[in-house]
Amino acid sequence: MDFDLSPEQQQMRTAVRELCGRFPPEYWRRMDQARSYPEEFVTALTEAGWLSLLIPEAYGGAGLGTLEAGLVLEEINRSGGSAGPCHAQMYTMGAIVRHGSDAQKARWLPDMAAGRLRLQAFGVTEPDAGSDTTRISTFAERHGDRYVIRGRKIFISRVQHSDLMLLLARTTPLAEVERKTHGLSLFLLDLRDAGERLRVRPLPMMINHETNEVTFDGVEVPAENRIGAEGEGFRLILSGMNAERILIASEALGDGFYFVDRASRYAGERVVFGRPIGQNQGVQFPIARAHMALSAAALMRDKAAVRFDRGEQPGAEANMAKYLASEAAFEAANAAMMAFGGYGLATEYDIERKFRESRLAMIAPVSNNLVLSYVGEHVLGMPRSF
C-alpha cells in the first residue's frame, strides 16, 4: 500500500498553494470583518479549474476523484483561507454526475465546469426537522410537467451567490409511505427563475456569514429538473453525503495543520523568561499531540476517499474521517490559542478567526454526536441510541 501522493497530486497541491498566496491574511481578515463573500477568490479558483475537478472530462471538467478534491480544499484551509464559500459546488454536483440523466449532464455540467453556473446552495435542513431528514415537510406537488414547492429551509448557505440549488422535498406525505425514507425527491432548482415566490432571509452567524432561511411559497420547478426517480431522493443524497463528509474532513485537516504550522513556528520564535516557549513541555506537547491526531485522521480521510472513488459507499469511513478530523482540528486550535496567549485573541494574528471557523466542522454538516451514534449502531451493531 502506497501512502505517498503521486507527483501529479503533489504538483496540484503546490499550484493551489501558489494561488492561495495571491490572497494574503489581510484579504481573509477583511472578508471576515465585513462579513463579505470572497468573490475574487472564488472566481480565481473557478478560472483555474479547481472547482470542476469532479466533473468528467467529457463535460469540461478534470475527471478526478474525491481524494484530489479533498487535497485542494485541505490546501486552501492550510494556507489560512477558507474553502467554505465554495466547497458545496464540489459535493452537490455529484448528484448530477452520479444520478443525473444524460440530458441533465449535458445541460448543466459544461456550464458548471466553465464557471458560467454556480451550484453552491444545498437545501435540506428545516427548522422543525433538524438532523432527522426524513421528517422534512417542504412539499413538491406535481402539476402536469411542473412541481410547485412550498415549505421552509434553514441554515442554507450561499443562496445569494448561487444560480442553482439542489433541493430535497417530499413528494409523498410521510403518513402515506411504507418507509420514512421513501417519498422524498431531489430537484435542481434554478434560483434565477424563482422570483418573488422564493424569499431569502440572512441569518447573522458567528461564522459562515452567508447563511440563510429560505421560504418557498409556490416556487415552480420543471419536472425535467428532478434528479432520479420520484420518491428516491433520500437514497440519492446518501452518496453525496459521504462525499460531503470526506471533503469537510479535508477542510478540517487543513485548519488543523494551519494551527500546528503557526503554533510550532511561533513557539520556536517567541522568547519568554530567556527561552523559546516551545522548549516548555506544556506548550510543546499539546501541539505535538494535535499533529499526531491530525496525521491519523488524514489516513482515515484517504481511506474513505479511495473507497468512494472506487464506486463504493464508505459510510463508516467517511463519517469517522469527518469526526476524527474535526476533533483533531479543534484540538490544534486550542493548542495554538494557548501557545499564542493574548496574541491569539488579536485579529491581526488570524488565530481567532480560524479558531471560530474550525469549530463549525464539529457541528455541521452533521453533529459529531450523530457520528458516534452511527458508528455505535451501524459499525459496532449496538442498539440505536435515539
Protein backbone atom coordinates (compact mmCIF):
# COMPACT_ATOMS: atom_id res chain seq x y z
CA MET A 1 0.00 0.00 0.00
CA ASP A 2 1.43 3.34 -1.11
CA PHE A 3 0.82 6.22 1.30
CA ASP A 4 2.66 8.82 -0.77
CA LEU A 5 0.97 11.32 -3.06
CA SER A 6 1.67 10.93 -6.75
CA PRO A 7 3.82 13.56 -8.50
CA GLU A 8 0.64 14.91 -10.12
CA GLN A 9 -1.09 15.24 -6.75
CA GLN A 10 1.98 16.97 -5.30
CA GLN A 11 2.01 19.40 -8.22
CA MET A 12 -1.66 20.06 -7.69
CA ARG A 13 -1.11 20.95 -4.03
CA THR A 14 1.74 23.26 -4.99
CA ALA A 15 -0.39 25.01 -7.61
CA VAL A 16 -3.26 25.52 -5.16
CA ARG A 17 -0.83 26.84 -2.55
CA GLU A 18 0.55 29.34 -5.07
CA LEU A 19 -2.96 30.52 -5.99
CA CYS A 20 -3.82 30.95 -2.31
CA GLY A 21 -0.66 33.02 -1.91
CA ARG A 22 -2.34 35.72 -4.00
CA PHE A 23 -4.90 36.12 -1.19
CA PRO A 24 -2.91 37.01 1.95
CA PRO A 25 -4.20 37.01 5.54
CA GLU A 26 -5.27 40.63 5.18
CA TYR A 27 -7.73 39.61 2.46
CA TRP A 28 -9.43 36.97 4.62
CA ARG A 29 -9.39 39.25 7.64
CA ARG A 30 -11.16 41.90 5.61
CA MET A 31 -13.76 39.43 4.31
CA ASP A 32 -14.46 38.19 7.84
CA GLN A 33 -14.75 41.63 9.40
CA ALA A 34 -17.02 42.91 6.63
CA ARG A 35 -18.99 39.61 6.56
CA SER A 36 -18.39 39.60 2.82
CA TYR A 37 -18.29 36.83 0.25
CA PRO A 38 -14.76 36.26 -1.15
CA GLU A 39 -15.86 36.75 -4.75
CA GLU A 40 -12.36 37.36 -6.09
CA PHE A 41 -11.03 34.16 -4.51
CA VAL A 42 -13.91 32.00 -5.72
CA THR A 43 -13.53 33.42 -9.22
CA ALA A 44 -9.80 32.66 -9.22
CA LEU A 45 -10.44 29.06 -8.10
CA THR A 46 -13.10 28.66 -10.76
CA GLU A 47 -10.94 30.05 -13.55
CA ALA A 48 -8.09 27.75 -12.53
CA GLY A 49 -10.44 24.77 -12.79
CA TRP A 50 -10.14 23.64 -9.19
CA LEU A 51 -13.90 23.63 -8.53
CA SER A 52 -14.61 21.38 -11.53
CA LEU A 53 -12.25 18.57 -10.59
CA LEU A 54 -15.07 16.04 -10.12
CA ILE A 55 -16.83 16.82 -13.41
CA PRO A 56 -15.97 14.25 -16.11
CA GLU A 57 -13.63 15.39 -18.86
CA ALA A 58 -16.39 14.87 -21.43
CA TYR A 59 -18.23 17.81 -19.85
CA GLY A 60 -15.24 20.11 -19.44
CA GLY A 61 -14.01 19.04 -16.01
CA ALA A 62 -10.83 17.31 -14.86
CA GLY A 63 -12.46 13.94 -14.19
CA LEU A 64 -10.52 13.44 -10.96
CA GLY A 65 -11.62 11.90 -7.69
CA THR A 66 -12.71 12.84 -4.21
CA LEU A 67 -9.17 12.43 -2.89
CA GLU A 68 -7.87 15.10 -5.27
CA ALA A 69 -10.82 17.37 -4.45
CA GLY A 70 -10.10 16.90 -0.76
CA LEU A 71 -6.45 17.82 -1.23
CA VAL A 72 -7.49 21.08 -2.87
CA LEU A 73 -9.83 22.03 -0.01
CA GLU A 74 -7.25 20.98 2.58
CA GLU A 75 -4.59 23.15 0.97
CA ILE A 76 -6.91 26.18 0.86
CA ASN A 77 -7.57 25.98 4.59
CA ARG A 78 -3.96 25.17 5.44
CA SER A 79 -2.94 28.34 3.62
CA GLY A 80 -5.06 30.39 6.04
CA GLY A 81 -8.03 30.82 3.73
CA SER A 82 -11.47 29.24 3.82
CA ALA A 83 -12.88 26.73 1.34
CA GLY A 84 -16.34 27.05 2.90
CA PRO A 85 -17.63 29.72 0.49
CA CYS A 86 -17.18 27.39 -2.48
CA HIS A 87 -16.89 23.79 -1.27
CA ALA A 88 -20.55 22.94 -1.92
CA GLN A 89 -20.11 23.08 -5.68
CA MET A 90 -17.82 20.08 -5.41
CA TYR A 91 -20.10 17.74 -3.49
CA THR A 92 -23.53 18.92 -4.66
CA MET A 93 -22.66 18.46 -8.34
CA GLY A 94 -22.03 14.80 -7.53
CA ALA A 95 -25.78 14.25 -7.55
CA ILE A 96 -25.84 15.20 -11.23
CA VAL A 97 -22.63 13.37 -12.10
CA ARG A 98 -23.73 10.13 -10.44
CA HIS A 99 -27.51 10.21 -10.77
CA GLY A 100 -28.42 12.74 -13.46
CA SER A 101 -29.68 11.73 -16.89
CA ASP A 102 -27.53 12.21 -19.96
CA ALA A 103 -29.67 15.21 -20.91
CA GLN A 104 -29.25 16.78 -17.46
CA LYS A 105 -25.48 16.28 -17.54
CA ALA A 106 -25.22 17.82 -20.99
CA ARG A 107 -27.41 20.73 -19.93
CA TRP A 108 -25.68 21.73 -16.70
CA LEU A 109 -22.22 20.26 -16.28
CA PRO A 110 -20.39 22.13 -19.09
CA ASP A 111 -21.59 25.48 -17.75
CA MET A 112 -20.58 24.50 -14.21
CA ALA A 113 -17.15 23.42 -15.40
CA ALA A 114 -16.70 26.71 -17.27
CA GLY A 115 -17.84 28.79 -14.30
CA ARG A 116 -20.95 30.08 -16.03
CA LEU A 117 -23.21 28.37 -13.46
CA ARG A 118 -22.73 28.10 -9.71
CA LEU A 119 -24.28 25.31 -7.69
CA GLN A 120 -23.42 26.44 -4.16
CA ALA A 121 -26.77 26.03 -2.36
CA PHE A 122 -27.93 22.75 -0.84
CA GLY A 123 -31.49 22.81 0.54
CA VAL A 124 -32.10 20.00 3.04
CA THR A 125 -32.24 21.17 6.69
CA GLU A 126 -35.52 22.51 8.09
CA PRO A 127 -36.40 24.33 11.33
CA ASP A 128 -38.58 21.52 12.72
CA ALA A 129 -36.65 18.53 11.38
CA GLY A 130 -33.01 19.32 12.14
CA SER A 131 -30.86 16.25 11.56
CA ASP A 132 -33.90 14.00 11.07
CA THR A 133 -34.02 14.45 7.31
CA THR A 134 -36.93 12.05 6.84
CA ARG A 135 -39.14 14.47 8.80
CA ILE A 136 -38.80 17.39 6.42
CA SER A 137 -42.12 18.92 5.40
CA THR A 138 -41.20 21.07 2.38
CA PHE A 139 -43.52 19.62 -0.26
CA ALA A 140 -43.28 19.46 -4.05
CA GLU A 141 -46.73 18.86 -5.59
CA ARG A 142 -46.89 17.65 -9.19
CA HIS A 143 -48.95 19.75 -11.62
CA GLY A 144 -48.53 18.37 -15.11
CA ASP A 145 -44.97 18.96 -16.25
CA ARG A 146 -44.07 21.05 -13.20
CA TYR A 147 -43.78 20.77 -9.43
CA VAL A 148 -44.99 23.51 -7.10
CA ILE A 149 -42.89 23.75 -3.95
CA ARG A 150 -43.96 25.10 -0.57
CA GLY A 151 -42.05 25.00 2.68
CA ARG A 152 -39.09 26.40 4.56
CA LYS A 153 -35.39 25.55 4.86
CA ILE A 154 -32.90 26.75 7.46
CA PHE A 155 -29.10 27.17 7.59
CA ILE A 156 -28.83 27.25 3.81
CA SER A 157 -25.54 28.75 2.71
CA ARG A 158 -24.58 30.92 -0.25
CA VAL A 159 -28.06 31.30 -1.80
CA GLN A 160 -27.22 34.86 -2.86
CA HIS A 161 -24.15 33.60 -4.70
CA SER A 162 -25.68 30.60 -6.45
CA ASP A 163 -27.53 30.15 -9.71
CA LEU A 164 -28.86 26.72 -8.76
CA MET A 165 -29.94 24.92 -5.61
CA LEU A 166 -30.00 21.17 -5.03
CA LEU A 167 -33.28 20.75 -3.13
CA LEU A 168 -34.73 17.81 -1.23
CA ALA A 169 -38.52 17.88 -0.80
CA ARG A 170 -41.33 15.48 -0.04
CA THR A 171 -43.45 14.34 -2.97
CA THR A 172 -45.47 11.88 -0.91
CA PRO A 173 -46.68 12.74 2.61
CA LEU A 174 -44.80 10.97 5.39
CA ALA A 175 -48.03 9.37 6.64
CA GLU A 176 -48.56 7.67 3.27
CA VAL A 177 -45.18 5.98 2.76
CA GLU A 178 -44.20 2.47 3.79
CA ARG A 179 -40.78 3.57 4.98
CA LYS A 180 -39.96 7.07 6.20
CA THR A 181 -37.03 7.32 3.78
CA HIS A 182 -39.46 6.93 0.86
CA GLY A 183 -41.39 9.75 -0.80
CA LEU A 184 -38.52 12.26 -0.88
CA SER A 185 -37.39 13.64 -4.22
CA LEU A 186 -34.35 15.57 -5.37
CA PHE A 187 -34.59 18.65 -7.60
CA LEU A 188 -32.24 21.10 -9.23
CA LEU A 189 -33.92 24.45 -8.74
CA ASP A 190 -32.91 27.40 -10.91
CA LEU A 191 -32.84 30.26 -8.42
CA ARG A 192 -32.84 32.81 -11.23
CA ASP A 193 -36.37 31.77 -12.21
CA ALA A 194 -37.81 31.57 -8.69
CA GLY A 195 -38.90 35.20 -8.50
CA GLU A 196 -40.75 36.60 -5.51
CA ARG A 197 -42.13 33.19 -4.56
CA LEU A 198 -38.74 32.43 -3.05
CA ARG A 199 -37.79 34.54 -0.03
CA VAL A 200 -34.32 34.59 1.49
CA ARG A 201 -33.65 35.89 4.99
CA PRO A 202 -29.97 36.19 6.00
CA LEU A 203 -29.12 34.81 9.44
CA PRO A 204 -26.39 36.62 11.44
CA MET A 205 -23.90 33.95 12.49
CA MET A 206 -20.64 33.71 14.42
CA ILE A 207 -19.04 32.34 11.24
CA ASN A 208 -20.24 31.26 7.79
CA HIS A 209 -21.72 34.68 7.13
CA GLU A 210 -23.59 33.53 4.01
CA THR A 211 -26.23 31.57 5.95
CA ASN A 212 -29.94 31.95 5.30
CA GLU A 213 -33.50 30.89 5.96
CA VAL A 214 -35.28 30.16 2.66
CA THR A 215 -39.06 30.12 2.20
CA PHE A 216 -40.73 28.52 -0.84
CA ASP A 217 -44.20 29.93 -1.49
CA GLY A 218 -45.33 28.17 -4.63
CA VAL A 219 -41.96 28.09 -6.38
CA GLU A 220 -42.24 26.15 -9.63
CA VAL A 221 -39.63 23.74 -10.95
CA PRO A 222 -39.93 21.79 -14.23
CA ALA A 223 -40.34 18.04 -13.83
CA GLU A 224 -37.31 17.59 -16.07
CA ASN A 225 -35.24 19.14 -13.27
CA ARG A 226 -35.96 16.24 -10.94
CA ILE A 227 -32.83 14.14 -10.35
CA GLY A 228 -33.60 10.43 -10.48
CA ALA A 229 -36.97 8.82 -9.90
CA GLU A 230 -39.69 10.44 -7.83
CA GLY A 231 -39.55 9.31 -4.23
CA GLU A 232 -35.91 8.13 -4.42
CA GLY A 233 -34.27 11.37 -3.36
CA PHE A 234 -33.14 10.22 0.08
CA ARG A 235 -31.21 7.31 -1.37
CA LEU A 236 -29.57 9.60 -3.94
CA ILE A 237 -28.32 12.15 -1.44
CA LEU A 238 -26.70 9.49 0.77
CA SER A 239 -23.81 9.05 -1.66
CA GLY A 240 -23.45 12.81 -1.80
CA MET A 241 -23.37 12.94 1.99
CA ASN A 242 -20.43 10.52 2.03
CA ALA A 243 -18.56 12.79 -0.38
CA GLU A 244 -19.54 15.79 1.72
CA ARG A 245 -18.13 14.24 4.88
CA ILE A 246 -14.86 13.37 3.14
CA LEU A 247 -14.47 16.91 1.84
CA ILE A 248 -15.40 18.50 5.17
CA ALA A 249 -12.83 16.24 6.82
CA SER A 250 -10.30 17.58 4.33
CA GLU A 251 -11.09 21.17 5.24
CA ALA A 252 -10.79 20.34 8.93
CA LEU A 253 -7.40 18.77 8.28
CA GLY A 254 -6.32 21.96 6.54
CA ASP A 255 -7.44 24.03 9.51
CA GLY A 256 -5.67 21.72 11.94
CA PHE A 257 -2.37 21.73 10.11
CA TYR A 258 -2.63 25.52 9.78
CA PHE A 259 -2.74 25.76 13.57
CA VAL A 260 0.11 23.29 14.02
CA ASP A 261 2.25 25.12 11.44
CA ARG A 262 1.62 28.51 13.03
CA ALA A 263 1.88 27.35 16.64
CA SER A 264 5.08 25.34 16.23
CA ARG A 265 6.77 28.20 14.37
CA TYR A 266 5.63 30.76 16.94
CA ALA A 267 6.68 28.51 19.82
CA GLY A 268 10.20 28.39 18.40
CA GLU A 269 10.41 32.16 17.94
CA ARG A 270 8.63 33.56 21.00
CA VAL A 271 11.07 34.03 23.89
CA VAL A 272 9.81 34.40 27.46
CA PHE A 273 11.94 34.07 30.62
CA GLY A 274 15.01 33.84 28.42
CA ARG A 275 13.99 30.77 26.37
CA PRO A 276 11.66 29.88 23.49
CA ILE A 277 8.24 28.94 24.84
CA GLY A 278 8.33 25.79 22.69
CA GLN A 279 11.05 24.48 24.99
CA ASN A 280 8.40 24.13 27.67
CA GLN A 281 6.58 20.80 27.55
CA GLY A 282 3.31 22.50 28.49
CA VAL A 283 3.45 24.33 25.17
CA GLN A 284 5.21 21.73 23.05
CA PHE A 285 3.26 18.60 23.95
CA PRO A 286 -0.26 19.85 23.07
CA ILE A 287 0.98 20.90 19.63
CA ALA A 288 2.69 17.54 19.13
CA ARG A 289 -0.47 15.67 20.21
CA ALA A 290 -2.55 17.70 17.78
CA HIS A 291 -0.15 16.91 14.94
CA MET A 292 -0.37 13.18 15.65
CA ALA A 293 -4.17 13.26 15.83
CA LEU A 294 -4.35 15.12 12.52
CA SER A 295 -1.97 12.68 10.86
CA ALA A 296 -4.12 9.74 11.97
CA ALA A 297 -7.30 11.47 10.78
CA ALA A 298 -5.68 12.10 7.39
CA LEU A 299 -5.19 8.36 6.94
CA MET A 300 -8.91 7.76 7.55
CA ARG A 301 -9.77 10.55 5.10
CA ASP A 302 -7.55 8.96 2.49
CA LYS A 303 -9.12 5.54 3.01
CA ALA A 304 -12.64 6.94 2.75
CA ALA A 305 -11.78 8.89 -0.41
CA VAL A 306 -10.11 5.93 -2.13
CA ARG A 307 -13.08 3.69 -1.42
CA PHE A 308 -15.55 6.32 -2.60
CA ASP A 309 -13.59 6.85 -5.80
CA ARG A 310 -13.74 3.10 -6.44
CA GLY A 311 -17.53 3.40 -6.55
CA GLU A 312 -18.15 2.06 -3.04
CA GLN A 313 -20.20 3.73 -0.31
CA PRO A 314 -17.82 4.06 2.64
CA GLY A 315 -20.35 5.36 5.16
CA ALA A 316 -18.30 4.27 8.17
CA GLU A 317 -15.00 5.64 6.91
CA ALA A 318 -16.50 8.91 5.68
CA ASN A 319 -18.23 9.57 8.98
CA MET A 320 -15.20 8.58 11.04
CA ALA A 321 -12.93 10.76 8.90
CA LYS A 322 -15.17 13.76 9.46
CA TYR A 323 -15.32 13.09 13.22
CA LEU A 324 -11.60 12.48 13.70
CA ALA A 325 -10.51 15.40 11.53
CA SER A 326 -12.87 17.92 13.13
CA GLU A 327 -11.96 16.85 16.67
CA ALA A 328 -8.24 16.94 15.85
CA ALA A 329 -8.57 20.35 14.19
CA PHE A 330 -10.19 21.87 17.24
CA GLU A 331 -7.57 20.26 19.48
CA ALA A 332 -4.98 22.00 17.32
CA ALA A 333 -6.95 25.25 17.53
CA ASN A 334 -6.86 25.11 21.32
CA ALA A 335 -3.13 24.31 21.33
CA ALA A 336 -2.45 27.27 19.05
CA MET A 337 -4.60 29.60 21.11
CA MET A 338 -2.74 28.62 24.29
CA ALA A 339 0.65 28.98 22.59
CA PHE A 340 -0.14 32.45 21.25
CA GLY A 341 -1.71 33.55 24.53
CA GLY A 342 -3.18 37.04 24.34
CA TYR A 343 -1.97 37.43 20.78
CA GLY A 344 -4.22 34.54 19.79
CA LEU A 345 -7.20 36.77 20.52
CA ALA A 346 -5.86 39.63 18.39
CA THR A 347 -7.46 39.73 14.95
CA GLU A 348 -4.16 40.64 13.26
CA TYR A 349 -2.74 37.19 14.10
CA ASP A 350 -5.71 35.35 12.47
CA ILE A 351 -5.79 32.60 15.10
CA GLU A 352 -9.12 33.77 16.50
CA ARG A 353 -10.71 33.80 13.02
CA LYS A 354 -9.54 30.31 12.19
CA PHE A 355 -10.46 29.20 15.72
CA ARG A 356 -14.07 30.16 15.06
CA GLU A 357 -14.07 28.58 11.63
CA SER A 358 -12.65 25.27 12.87
CA ARG A 359 -15.43 24.88 15.43
CA LEU A 360 -18.10 24.59 12.74
CA ALA A 361 -16.89 21.21 11.45
CA MET A 362 -17.83 19.59 14.78
CA ILE A 363 -21.45 20.64 14.25
CA ALA A 364 -22.05 20.66 10.50
CA PRO A 365 -22.92 19.11 8.16
CA VAL A 366 -23.61 16.51 10.83
CA SER A 367 -23.10 16.71 14.57
CA ASN A 368 -20.26 14.60 15.90
CA ASN A 369 -22.69 13.06 18.38
CA LEU A 370 -24.66 11.66 15.44
CA VAL A 371 -21.44 10.23 14.02
CA LEU A 372 -20.86 8.44 17.32
CA SER A 373 -24.40 7.11 17.14
CA TYR A 374 -23.85 5.94 13.55
CA VAL A 375 -20.68 4.08 14.46
CA GLY A 376 -22.26 2.56 17.56
CA GLU A 377 -25.24 1.22 15.61
CA HIS A 378 -24.01 0.54 12.07
CA VAL A 379 -20.38 -0.41 12.73
CA LEU A 380 -20.49 -1.99 16.19
CA GLY A 381 -24.02 -3.40 16.00
CA MET A 382 -25.29 -1.87 19.23
CA PRO A 383 -28.93 -0.78 19.69
CA ARG A 384 -29.91 2.56 18.19
CA SER A 385 -29.25 5.32 20.73
CA PHE A 386 -32.17 7.58 19.81
